């Protein structure tokens, strides 16, 4: 069983740091992301991580955080900004660069993941085993995780795949879009900050996002119907926290160790768990507004999972064309999630 240790000890560490005279940092890094600063990932995950690194480095490292793309560019450009040294660090939705990191899509396959905590542990393990070296060699990968259960938020009630007919629905990644298309919707790809305007203007009829981000985006004010599933998640999305290789390599070994100690497996599990834990408070907002929350039972959810099976066939065929053993990735992900769940 994985235990949260270092991340939850931040309060004491930060207090000690503030008790000493402030000194100029030896190394400053800019971390850019696309969500507002008050959203869950920037405020409850990245700030905790960055504050802990600053405290553990005794002020020698400073991480400047820029939310909402304050340093310029668009969300799909973030990883390239890190590779090119435009920014030093970022966390990002991997699916914003479709097909570029194909092995990570195994965790985005429909009805595969049941819990963000073991799934994040499994994702990090597979990154560390070979995916990072094979597909992320241009950056230093510090963490990888998934969010909690994907939910459908729409302008009408959705209970069966047939209800998707004629609907335009925002998808978060290539595999989510493939799922939507398979189930009869017209998928519309866009970064999550664009969702509120797209919903308000009728560009889309619904969106696929987890509960936790709906508050920051005010989704319960824009649509009144929300469809949840029982059992494995309809979908989830993968995230990565990455750093410029040269900036990491330029650090002395003791400061590299500070970053490494606060990153990796434990941080990835922490991130997935925290993001999932904020689903319920956001769901309560929709309930308080009197919105219609449809929770499909086990049999109904299984029918959706059966309808989604063509997504697996297409993905396995595509992976084979790329020389990747997709079935081995699925088997490894399932085995690791089972191990970490236990």
Protein backbone atom coordinates (compact mmCIF):
# COMPACT_ATOMS: atom_id res chain seq x y z
CA UNK A 1 0.00 0.00 0.00
CA UNK A 2 1.40 3.38 -1.00
CA UNK A 3 1.45 5.98 1.77
CA UNK A 4 1.53 9.76 1.48
CA UNK A 5 4.45 11.01 3.48
CA UNK A 6 6.59 13.85 2.18
CA UNK A 7 3.82 15.76 0.41
CA UNK A 8 1.60 15.82 3.48
CA UNK A 9 4.45 17.04 5.67
CA UNK A 10 4.69 20.30 3.79
CA UNK A 11 3.13 22.54 6.44
CA UNK A 12 5.90 21.99 8.95
CA UNK A 13 8.63 22.23 6.37
CA UNK A 14 7.32 25.49 4.95
CA UNK A 15 6.95 26.95 8.44
CA UNK A 16 10.60 26.23 9.11
CA UNK A 17 11.56 27.80 5.83
CA UNK A 18 9.69 31.00 6.65
CA UNK A 19 11.30 31.12 10.09
CA UNK A 20 14.73 31.73 8.55
CA UNK A 21 15.89 34.93 6.84
CA UNK A 22 14.99 35.02 3.14
CA UNK A 23 17.94 34.60 0.79
CA UNK A 24 18.07 35.04 -2.95
CA UNK A 25 17.54 31.75 -4.74
CA UNK A 26 20.49 30.28 -6.60
CA UNK A 27 18.20 28.71 -9.22
CA UNK A 28 14.90 30.13 -10.44
CA UNK A 29 12.53 28.23 -12.70
CA UNK A 30 9.37 29.33 -14.49
CA UNK A 31 6.50 26.84 -14.48
CA UNK A 32 3.66 27.60 -16.87
CA UNK A 33 0.24 25.91 -16.99
CA UNK A 34 -3.13 26.56 -18.59
CA UNK A 35 -5.73 26.45 -15.80
CA UNK A 36 -6.56 29.38 -13.49
CA UNK A 37 -4.38 29.54 -10.37
CA UNK A 38 -7.31 28.65 -8.10
CA UNK A 39 -8.13 25.40 -9.95
CA UNK A 40 -7.34 22.11 -8.21
CA UNK A 41 -4.16 21.11 -10.01
CA UNK A 42 -2.35 24.47 -9.75
CA UNK A 43 -3.43 25.24 -6.18
CA UNK A 44 -3.66 21.82 -4.51
CA UNK A 45 -1.01 19.83 -6.37
CA UNK A 46 1.58 21.99 -8.15
CA UNK A 47 1.79 24.65 -5.44
CA UNK A 48 2.23 21.95 -2.78
CA UNK A 49 4.95 20.28 -4.84
CA UNK A 50 6.77 23.53 -5.65
CA UNK A 51 6.53 24.87 -2.07
CA UNK A 52 8.00 21.63 -0.76
CA UNK A 53 10.93 21.80 -3.17
CA UNK A 54 11.62 25.40 -2.22
CA UNK A 55 11.51 24.48 1.48
CA UNK A 56 13.65 21.36 1.12
CA UNK A 57 16.24 23.29 -0.90
CA UNK A 58 16.39 25.86 1.94
CA UNK A 59 15.51 28.61 -0.52
CA UNK A 60 18.18 27.75 -3.07
CA UNK A 61 15.47 26.84 -5.60
CA UNK A 62 12.57 29.14 -6.48
CA UNK A 63 9.75 28.04 -8.75
CA UNK A 64 7.74 30.89 -10.26
CA UNK A 65 4.26 29.71 -11.26
CA UNK A 66 2.35 31.19 -14.17
CA UNK A 67 -1.25 30.06 -14.57
CA UNK A 68 -3.63 30.58 -17.49
CA UNK A 69 -0.80 30.70 -20.06
CA UNK A 70 0.47 34.02 -18.67
CA UNK A 71 3.80 33.62 -20.45
CA UNK A 72 2.10 33.19 -23.81
CA UNK A 73 1.29 30.40 -26.20
CA UNK A 74 -1.47 27.82 -26.20
CA UNK A 75 -1.93 24.70 -24.03
CA UNK A 76 -0.89 22.22 -26.78
CA UNK A 77 2.44 24.09 -27.03
CA UNK A 78 3.46 23.66 -23.39
CA UNK A 79 5.66 20.58 -23.74
CA UNK A 80 7.46 22.12 -26.70
CA UNK A 81 7.96 25.28 -24.66
CA UNK A 82 9.76 23.16 -22.08
CA UNK A 83 11.79 21.30 -24.71
CA UNK A 84 12.82 24.60 -26.34
CA UNK A 85 13.60 26.29 -23.01
CA UNK A 86 10.90 28.95 -23.40
CA UNK A 87 9.70 27.83 -19.95
CA UNK A 88 11.50 25.57 -17.52
CA UNK A 89 8.64 23.38 -16.26
CA UNK A 90 5.05 22.55 -16.98
CA UNK A 91 2.27 20.14 -16.18
CA UNK A 92 0.04 19.36 -19.09
CA UNK A 93 -2.61 17.10 -20.54
CA UNK A 94 -0.67 14.64 -22.67
CA UNK A 95 -3.61 14.29 -25.05
CA UNK A 96 -3.28 17.93 -26.12
CA UNK A 97 -0.62 16.66 -28.53
CA UNK A 98 -2.58 13.81 -30.16
CA UNK A 99 -0.66 10.69 -31.12
CA UNK A 100 2.70 12.07 -30.03
CA UNK A 101 2.99 9.88 -26.93
CA UNK A 102 1.04 6.79 -28.02
CA UNK A 103 1.94 4.42 -25.18
CA UNK A 104 0.40 6.74 -22.58
CA UNK A 105 -2.99 6.30 -24.24
CA UNK A 106 -3.38 2.89 -22.63
CA UNK A 107 -4.64 4.65 -19.50
CA UNK A 108 -7.15 6.64 -21.55
CA UNK A 109 -8.88 3.59 -23.00
CA UNK A 110 -12.55 3.42 -22.00
CA UNK A 111 -13.68 1.57 -18.89
CA UNK A 112 -10.14 0.44 -18.00
CA UNK A 113 -9.37 2.56 -14.92
CA UNK A 114 -11.38 2.31 -11.69
CA UNK A 115 -9.43 4.50 -9.24
CA UNK A 116 -7.04 7.39 -9.90
CA UNK A 117 -4.69 6.39 -7.06
CA UNK A 118 -3.56 2.93 -8.27
CA UNK A 119 -3.84 4.07 -11.89
CA UNK A 120 -1.46 6.97 -11.23
CA UNK A 121 0.95 4.60 -9.50
CA UNK A 122 0.78 2.22 -12.46
CA UNK A 123 1.20 5.06 -14.95
CA UNK A 124 4.31 6.37 -13.20
CA UNK A 125 5.76 2.86 -12.97
CA UNK A 126 5.30 2.33 -16.70
CA UNK A 127 6.78 5.74 -17.44
CA UNK A 128 9.81 4.83 -15.36
CA UNK A 129 10.11 1.35 -16.86
CA UNK A 130 10.40 2.45 -20.48
CA UNK A 131 7.74 4.89 -21.72
CA UNK A 132 9.59 8.02 -20.56
CA UNK A 133 12.86 6.95 -22.18
CA UNK A 134 11.07 5.99 -25.39
CA UNK A 135 8.58 8.83 -25.78
CA UNK A 136 9.68 11.66 -23.45
CA UNK A 137 13.44 11.69 -23.97
CA UNK A 138 13.35 15.43 -24.75
CA UNK A 139 12.21 16.35 -21.22
CA UNK A 140 12.86 15.31 -17.64
CA UNK A 141 9.63 13.64 -16.52
CA UNK A 142 8.92 14.36 -12.85
CA UNK A 143 5.42 12.95 -12.47
CA UNK A 144 2.58 11.28 -14.31
CA UNK A 145 -0.99 10.74 -13.12
CA UNK A 146 -4.66 10.47 -14.12
CA UNK A 147 -7.80 12.18 -12.89
CA UNK A 148 -10.87 10.67 -11.27
CA UNK A 149 -13.96 9.35 -13.05
CA UNK A 150 -14.81 11.07 -16.30
CA UNK A 151 -18.34 12.50 -16.35
CA UNK A 152 -20.60 13.65 -19.19
CA UNK A 153 -21.97 17.17 -18.70
CA UNK A 154 -24.63 18.04 -21.26
CA UNK A 155 -27.57 20.23 -22.22
CA UNK A 156 -29.85 17.18 -22.22
CA UNK A 157 -30.18 13.96 -20.23
CA UNK A 158 -27.78 11.21 -21.35
CA UNK A 159 -28.56 7.64 -20.27
CA UNK A 160 -27.70 5.50 -23.33
CA UNK A 161 -25.21 5.87 -26.17
CA UNK A 162 -28.17 6.56 -28.49
CA UNK A 163 -28.69 9.84 -26.63
CA UNK A 164 -25.40 11.03 -28.12
CA UNK A 165 -26.82 11.02 -31.67
CA UNK A 166 -26.59 14.47 -33.19
CA UNK A 167 -24.65 15.91 -30.25
CA UNK A 168 -21.37 17.81 -30.43
CA UNK A 169 -19.31 16.86 -27.38
CA UNK A 170 -15.93 18.14 -26.31
CA UNK A 171 -13.29 15.43 -25.84
CA UNK A 172 -10.07 15.83 -23.88
CA UNK A 173 -7.81 13.52 -25.89
CA UNK A 174 -7.55 11.40 -28.99
CA UNK A 175 -8.90 8.31 -27.27
CA UNK A 176 -11.76 10.20 -25.62
CA UNK A 177 -12.65 11.58 -29.05
CA UNK A 178 -12.50 8.07 -30.51
CA UNK A 179 -14.84 6.91 -27.75
CA UNK A 180 -17.31 9.73 -28.42
CA UNK A 181 -17.28 9.00 -32.13
CA UNK A 182 -17.82 5.28 -31.52
CA UNK A 183 -20.79 6.03 -29.27
CA UNK A 184 -22.46 8.27 -31.84
CA UNK A 185 -21.46 11.80 -30.84
CA UNK A 186 -19.53 14.28 -32.94
CA UNK A 187 -16.30 14.85 -31.00
CA UNK A 188 -14.94 18.36 -30.75
CA UNK A 189 -11.34 18.71 -29.54
CA UNK A 190 -10.41 21.76 -27.47
CA UNK A 191 -8.36 22.57 -24.36
CA UNK A 192 -10.44 22.67 -21.20
CA UNK A 193 -10.23 26.49 -20.71
CA UNK A 194 -12.26 26.88 -23.93
CA UNK A 195 -15.17 24.77 -22.62
CA UNK A 196 -17.24 27.49 -20.86
CA UNK A 197 -17.43 29.76 -23.90
CA UNK A 198 -18.10 26.82 -26.22
CA UNK A 199 -20.99 25.67 -24.02
CA UNK A 200 -22.45 29.15 -23.60
CA UNK A 201 -22.38 29.83 -27.34
CA UNK A 202 -23.73 26.41 -28.33
CA UNK A 203 -20.56 25.41 -30.13
CA UNK A 204 -20.79 22.16 -28.17
CA UNK A 205 -23.76 20.44 -26.55
CA UNK A 206 -21.76 18.78 -23.82
CA UNK A 207 -18.31 18.08 -22.49
CA UNK A 208 -16.31 15.26 -20.94
CA UNK A 209 -14.42 16.40 -17.85
CA UNK A 210 -14.11 15.14 -14.27
CA UNK A 211 -16.18 16.77 -11.56
CA UNK A 212 -13.23 18.50 -9.88
CA UNK A 213 -12.62 21.04 -12.65
CA UNK A 214 -16.30 21.92 -13.19
CA UNK A 215 -16.30 24.47 -10.39
CA UNK A 216 -13.42 26.50 -11.81
CA UNK A 217 -15.10 26.40 -15.24
CA UNK A 218 -18.63 27.07 -13.86
CA UNK A 219 -19.97 24.15 -15.88
CA UNK A 220 -22.96 23.49 -13.54
CA UNK A 221 -24.16 26.99 -14.41
CA UNK A 222 -23.99 26.28 -18.14
CA UNK A 223 -25.55 22.78 -18.35
CA UNK A 224 -27.91 21.02 -15.96
CA UNK A 225 -27.38 17.33 -16.80
CA UNK A 226 -24.49 15.20 -15.57
CA UNK A 227 -24.04 11.48 -16.28
CA UNK A 228 -21.89 9.29 -14.01
CA UNK A 229 -21.00 5.60 -14.31
CA UNK A 230 -20.80 2.73 -11.83
CA UNK A 231 -17.62 0.65 -11.86
CA UNK A 232 -14.69 1.41 -14.19
CA UNK A 233 -14.44 4.98 -15.47
CA UNK A 234 -15.91 5.83 -18.85
CA UNK A 235 -12.63 7.62 -19.48
CA UNK A 236 -9.74 9.35 -17.80
CA UNK A 237 -6.92 11.56 -19.06
CA UNK A 238 -3.17 11.40 -18.45
CA UNK A 239 -1.09 14.29 -17.13
CA UNK A 240 2.65 14.79 -17.04
CA UNK A 241 4.86 17.12 -15.02
CA UNK A 242 8.01 17.85 -17.00
CA UNK A 243 11.20 19.91 -16.75
CA UNK A 244 13.70 21.10 -19.32
CA UNK A 245 16.53 18.57 -19.51
CA UNK A 246 19.33 21.15 -19.57
CA UNK A 247 17.93 23.04 -16.59
CA UNK A 248 17.73 19.85 -14.56
CA UNK A 249 21.21 18.71 -15.63
CA UNK A 250 22.69 22.08 -14.63
CA UNK A 251 21.64 21.62 -11.01
CA UNK A 252 24.17 20.33 -8.49
CA UNK A 253 23.54 16.77 -7.36
CA UNK A 254 22.11 17.75 -3.98
CA UNK A 255 19.45 19.92 -5.60
CA UNK A 256 18.69 17.30 -8.22
CA UNK A 257 18.08 15.01 -5.25
CA UNK A 258 15.61 17.51 -3.76
CA UNK A 259 13.60 17.50 -6.97
CA UNK A 260 13.83 13.71 -7.36
CA UNK A 261 12.77 13.05 -3.76
CA UNK A 262 9.65 15.17 -4.20
CA UNK A 263 8.78 13.75 -7.62
CA UNK A 264 8.26 10.28 -9.03
CA UNK A 265 5.94 7.61 -7.66
CA UNK A 266 4.83 9.18 -4.41
CA UNK A 267 4.14 12.54 -6.00
CA UNK A 268 2.24 10.93 -8.89
CA UNK A 269 -0.01 9.00 -6.49
CA UNK A 270 -0.51 12.16 -4.43
CA UNK A 271 -1.52 14.12 -7.54
CA UNK A 272 -4.01 11.52 -8.74
CA UNK A 273 -5.49 11.09 -5.29
CA UNK A 274 -5.86 14.81 -4.65
CA UNK A 275 -7.46 15.48 -8.01
CA UNK A 276 -9.95 12.66 -7.47
CA UNK A 277 -10.69 13.83 -3.91
CA UNK A 278 -11.96 17.16 -5.23
CA UNK A 279 -14.61 15.48 -7.37
CA UNK A 280 -17.13 15.27 -4.52
CA UNK A 281 -17.05 18.95 -3.45
CA UNK A 282 -17.53 20.01 -7.07
CA UNK A 283 -20.38 17.51 -7.47
CA UNK A 284 -22.04 19.07 -4.42
CA UNK A 285 -22.13 22.41 -6.24
CA UNK A 286 -24.23 20.86 -9.01
CA UNK A 287 -26.48 19.19 -6.45
CA UNK A 288 -26.98 22.44 -4.58
CA UNK A 289 -28.07 24.08 -7.83
CA UNK A 290 -30.69 21.38 -8.32
CA UNK A 291 -29.01 19.98 -11.43
CA UNK A 292 -29.95 16.56 -12.78
CA UNK A 293 -27.28 13.98 -11.86
CA UNK A 294 -27.82 10.62 -13.55
CA UNK A 295 -25.84 7.75 -12.02
CA UNK A 296 -25.96 4.75 -14.34
CA UNK A 297 -26.08 1.44 -12.51
CA UNK A 298 -23.71 -1.47 -13.06
CA UNK A 299 -25.76 -3.05 -15.85
CA UNK A 300 -26.25 0.24 -17.68
CA UNK A 301 -22.55 1.05 -17.37
CA UNK A 302 -21.61 -2.39 -18.69
CA UNK A 303 -23.74 -1.74 -21.78
CA UNK A 304 -21.75 1.41 -22.46
CA UNK A 305 -18.50 -0.50 -21.97
CA UNK A 306 -19.60 -3.12 -24.48
CA UNK A 307 -20.48 -0.41 -26.99
CA UNK A 308 -17.00 1.08 -26.53
CA UNK A 309 -15.09 -2.10 -27.45
CA UNK A 310 -14.35 -0.97 -31.05
CA UNK A 311 -12.09 1.70 -29.54
CA UNK A 312 -9.81 -1.08 -28.27
CA UNK A 313 -9.71 -2.81 -31.64
CA UNK A 314 -8.76 0.37 -33.46
CA UNK A 315 -6.13 1.32 -30.87
CA UNK A 316 -4.51 -2.13 -30.87
CA UNK A 317 -4.32 -2.08 -34.66
CA UNK A 318 -2.76 1.38 -34.66
CA UNK A 319 -0.23 0.44 -31.99
CA UNK A 320 0.77 -2.60 -34.04
CA UNK A 321 1.36 -0.34 -37.05
CA UNK A 322 3.72 1.72 -34.86
CA UNK A 323 5.62 -1.34 -33.68
CA UNK A 324 4.14 -1.10 -30.17
CA UNK A 325 2.63 -4.10 -28.41
CA UNK A 326 -0.63 -2.53 -27.29
CA UNK A 327 -1.97 -5.66 -25.64
CA UNK A 328 1.19 -5.91 -23.53
CA UNK A 329 0.62 -2.31 -22.39
CA UNK A 330 -2.98 -3.11 -21.43
CA UNK A 331 -1.94 -6.25 -19.56
CA UNK A 332 0.85 -4.43 -17.71
CA UNK A 333 -1.43 -1.53 -16.77
CA UNK A 334 -4.11 -3.89 -15.43
CA UNK A 335 -1.59 -5.95 -13.45
CA UNK A 336 0.02 -2.88 -11.88
CA UNK A 337 -3.32 -1.29 -10.98
CA UNK A 338 -4.38 -4.54 -9.32
CA UNK A 339 -1.10 -4.71 -7.38
CA UNK A 340 -1.29 -1.11 -6.18
CA UNK A 341 -4.98 -1.38 -5.36
CA UNK A 342 -4.14 -4.29 -3.08
